[in-house]
């Protein structure tokens, strides 16, 4: 009888431990559009070919549902419970399209998922080689880009963006990463206008 009673106590204790040991809730994050410092021109640029942001490629270590942060020169942290609400390459493509549309004249940025068209397009291809934040919400973004134009020679370049730390950071890393994409859009805006 005593042995059975002890087994019951141990079983109930294990059940209580498992009930108390539930994991923290998963948090989901999205990137957001960043308004330009100066408003976009109001007149449409009818003499220029619209630009379309092509599917974005990102470094393999970043292409995952979890948010990846840098914690040292050769170390990263994969946040088990902090996740992107949608695939990161798709979010980056949409946010850059939105950011550029807010900076360029109306009609100069084609919807990234537009149906096929015979109208000419300038194609903006972007490869994200580095896109990390840290615990202080400092963000480092390095991107290679190329802009092809059916009527002119193509251009290409690399941009390095640094967003300084902000205190307190809290859960604002996605917002800091959005600001880094806004700076990238500012630089690409200059390239597209000059093309």
Protein backbone atom coordinates (compact mmCIF):
# COMPACT_ATOMS: atom_id res chain seq x y z
CA UNK A 1 0.00 0.00 0.00
CA UNK A 2 2.82 2.40 0.90
CA UNK A 3 4.60 1.67 -2.39
CA UNK A 4 1.45 2.41 -4.39
CA UNK A 5 0.94 5.61 -2.43
CA UNK A 6 4.54 6.69 -3.17
CA UNK A 7 4.10 5.97 -6.88
CA UNK A 8 0.94 8.09 -6.94
CA UNK A 9 2.76 10.98 -5.24
CA UNK A 10 5.69 10.76 -7.69
CA UNK A 11 3.28 10.62 -10.65
CA UNK A 12 1.31 13.64 -9.42
CA UNK A 13 4.55 15.54 -8.76
CA UNK A 14 5.76 14.86 -12.31
CA UNK A 15 2.42 16.03 -13.73
CA UNK A 16 2.66 19.23 -11.71
CA UNK A 17 6.21 19.87 -12.93
CA UNK A 18 5.22 19.41 -16.57
CA UNK A 19 2.21 21.70 -16.14
CA UNK A 20 4.36 24.45 -14.58
CA UNK A 21 7.14 24.07 -17.12
CA UNK A 22 5.23 25.37 -20.15
CA UNK A 23 7.28 27.26 -22.73
CA UNK A 24 6.98 31.04 -23.19
CA UNK A 25 4.68 32.26 -25.95
CA UNK A 26 6.04 32.68 -29.46
CA UNK A 27 6.21 36.32 -30.61
CA UNK A 28 5.84 37.21 -34.29
CA UNK A 29 7.36 40.27 -35.97
CA UNK A 30 7.01 42.10 -39.27
CA UNK A 31 9.01 44.80 -41.01
CA UNK A 32 7.32 48.12 -41.72
CA UNK A 33 7.55 50.90 -44.30
CA UNK A 34 9.64 53.95 -43.38
CA UNK A 35 8.47 57.32 -44.69
CA UNK A 36 11.01 59.40 -46.64
CA UNK A 37 12.55 62.52 -45.13
CA UNK A 38 11.15 64.52 -48.06
CA UNK A 39 7.85 63.75 -49.81
CA UNK A 40 7.85 62.07 -53.22
CA UNK A 41 7.26 64.26 -56.30
CA UNK A 42 3.58 64.69 -57.09
CA UNK A 43 3.93 64.66 -60.87
CA UNK A 44 4.23 61.30 -62.57
CA UNK A 45 7.45 60.57 -64.39
CA UNK A 46 6.02 59.55 -67.74
CA UNK A 47 9.40 59.55 -69.46
CA UNK A 48 10.90 56.88 -67.21
CA UNK A 49 10.38 53.11 -67.16
CA UNK A 50 8.92 51.78 -63.90
CA UNK A 51 11.23 49.77 -61.67
CA UNK A 52 10.28 46.42 -60.16
CA UNK A 53 12.05 44.90 -57.17
CA UNK A 54 12.88 41.31 -58.07
CA UNK A 55 12.81 38.45 -55.52
CA UNK A 56 15.40 39.19 -52.85
CA UNK A 57 18.10 36.69 -51.94
CA UNK A 58 19.45 36.61 -48.41
CA UNK A 59 22.37 34.85 -46.75
CA UNK A 60 21.48 31.24 -45.84
CA UNK A 61 21.99 31.77 -42.10
CA UNK A 62 19.31 34.50 -42.16
CA UNK A 63 16.79 32.59 -44.28
CA UNK A 64 14.86 31.03 -41.43
CA UNK A 65 11.64 31.75 -39.50
CA UNK A 66 13.50 32.77 -36.32
CA UNK A 67 15.11 36.17 -35.86
CA UNK A 68 18.90 35.89 -35.97
CA UNK A 69 20.99 38.33 -33.90
CA UNK A 70 24.73 38.84 -33.81
CA UNK A 71 26.28 38.29 -30.38
CA UNK A 72 29.96 38.33 -31.33
CA UNK A 73 32.34 38.50 -34.25
CA UNK A 74 31.79 34.82 -35.03
CA UNK A 75 28.60 34.04 -33.10
CA UNK A 76 24.91 34.51 -33.72
CA UNK A 77 21.83 33.76 -31.64
CA UNK A 78 18.74 32.18 -33.17
CA UNK A 79 15.73 33.36 -31.16
CA UNK A 80 13.56 30.32 -30.55
CA UNK A 81 10.43 32.28 -29.64
CA UNK A 82 10.96 35.45 -31.73
CA UNK A 83 9.90 34.68 -35.29
CA UNK A 84 9.13 36.46 -38.54
CA UNK A 85 5.41 36.44 -39.35
CA UNK A 86 6.24 35.90 -43.05
CA UNK A 87 9.39 34.76 -44.86
CA UNK A 88 12.10 37.40 -44.50
CA UNK A 89 13.02 37.64 -48.23
CA UNK A 90 9.37 38.31 -49.13
CA UNK A 91 9.02 40.94 -46.40
CA UNK A 92 12.21 42.70 -47.51
CA UNK A 93 11.04 42.76 -51.14
CA UNK A 94 7.63 44.20 -50.26
CA UNK A 95 8.99 46.79 -47.81
CA UNK A 96 11.66 47.99 -50.25
CA UNK A 97 8.98 48.29 -52.96
CA UNK A 98 6.77 50.29 -50.59
CA UNK A 99 9.68 52.46 -49.40
CA UNK A 100 10.72 53.23 -52.99
CA UNK A 101 7.13 53.98 -54.03
CA UNK A 102 6.99 56.55 -51.20
CA UNK A 103 10.18 58.21 -52.51
CA UNK A 104 9.72 58.16 -56.28
CA UNK A 105 7.08 59.78 -58.48
CA UNK A 106 3.76 57.93 -58.73
CA UNK A 107 3.83 55.09 -61.21
CA UNK A 108 7.60 54.61 -61.08
CA UNK A 109 7.52 51.50 -58.87
CA UNK A 110 5.75 48.43 -60.19
CA UNK A 111 3.99 46.10 -57.77
CA UNK A 112 6.51 43.32 -57.06
CA UNK A 113 3.94 40.57 -57.65
CA UNK A 114 2.32 42.15 -60.69
CA UNK A 115 0.91 39.82 -63.32
CA UNK A 116 3.02 39.43 -66.44
CA UNK A 117 3.04 42.48 -68.69
CA UNK A 118 4.57 43.46 -72.01
CA UNK A 119 5.34 46.92 -70.66
CA UNK A 120 9.07 47.50 -70.13
CA UNK A 121 10.46 47.38 -66.61
CA UNK A 122 13.73 48.31 -64.99
CA UNK A 123 14.63 45.38 -62.74
CA UNK A 124 16.19 45.94 -59.32
CA UNK A 125 17.89 42.80 -57.99
CA UNK A 126 19.06 42.77 -54.38
CA UNK A 127 21.17 40.27 -52.44
CA UNK A 128 21.31 40.72 -48.67
CA UNK A 129 24.70 39.49 -47.45
CA UNK A 130 24.34 40.72 -43.87
CA UNK A 131 21.28 41.85 -41.89
CA UNK A 132 21.84 41.54 -38.16
CA UNK A 133 20.78 43.38 -35.07
CA UNK A 134 22.09 43.02 -31.55
CA UNK A 135 20.68 43.36 -28.03
CA UNK A 136 21.02 47.16 -28.20
CA UNK A 137 19.01 47.32 -31.49
CA UNK A 138 22.09 48.36 -33.48
CA UNK A 139 21.63 46.97 -37.00
CA UNK A 140 24.16 46.22 -39.70
CA UNK A 141 22.91 45.74 -43.29
CA UNK A 142 25.08 44.96 -46.31
CA UNK A 143 23.39 44.55 -49.67
CA UNK A 144 24.55 44.12 -53.25
CA UNK A 145 22.25 45.43 -55.96
CA UNK A 146 21.97 45.66 -59.72
CA UNK A 147 19.60 47.77 -61.80
CA UNK A 148 18.97 46.68 -65.38
CA UNK A 149 17.34 49.01 -67.87
CA UNK A 150 16.09 47.82 -71.27
CA UNK A 151 17.13 51.18 -72.74
CA UNK A 152 20.49 51.79 -71.02
CA UNK A 153 23.52 50.11 -69.53
CA UNK A 154 22.98 48.40 -66.20
CA UNK A 155 24.35 49.60 -62.89
CA UNK A 156 25.43 47.71 -59.79
CA UNK A 157 26.81 48.45 -56.38
CA UNK A 158 27.04 47.54 -52.71
CA UNK A 159 25.57 49.44 -49.79
CA UNK A 160 26.57 49.20 -46.13
CA UNK A 161 24.00 50.58 -43.67
CA UNK A 162 24.52 51.01 -39.92
CA UNK A 163 21.65 51.89 -37.59
CA UNK A 164 23.03 53.00 -34.19
CA UNK A 165 21.96 51.45 -30.91
CA UNK A 166 18.84 52.74 -29.22
CA UNK A 167 18.05 52.49 -25.54
CA UNK A 168 15.95 50.92 -24.32
CA UNK A 169 15.79 48.36 -27.12
CA UNK A 170 13.18 45.95 -25.72
CA UNK A 171 11.37 44.17 -28.54
CA UNK A 172 12.11 46.87 -31.13
CA UNK A 173 14.69 45.04 -33.24
CA UNK A 174 12.25 44.62 -36.16
CA UNK A 175 11.64 48.40 -36.12
CA UNK A 176 15.40 49.09 -36.21
CA UNK A 177 15.77 46.64 -39.10
CA UNK A 178 12.95 48.48 -40.90
CA UNK A 179 14.88 51.75 -40.45
CA UNK A 180 17.94 50.12 -42.03
CA UNK A 181 15.82 49.16 -45.07
CA UNK A 182 14.56 52.76 -45.19
CA UNK A 183 18.16 54.03 -45.43
CA UNK A 184 18.82 51.48 -48.19
CA UNK A 185 15.72 52.74 -50.03
CA UNK A 186 17.01 56.34 -49.71
CA UNK A 187 20.25 55.33 -51.44
CA UNK A 188 18.54 53.28 -54.13
CA UNK A 189 16.16 56.17 -54.75
CA UNK A 190 19.14 58.31 -55.83
CA UNK A 191 20.36 55.56 -58.18
CA UNK A 192 16.94 55.03 -59.76
CA UNK A 193 16.33 58.76 -60.30
CA UNK A 194 19.69 59.08 -62.07
CA UNK A 195 19.16 56.02 -64.29
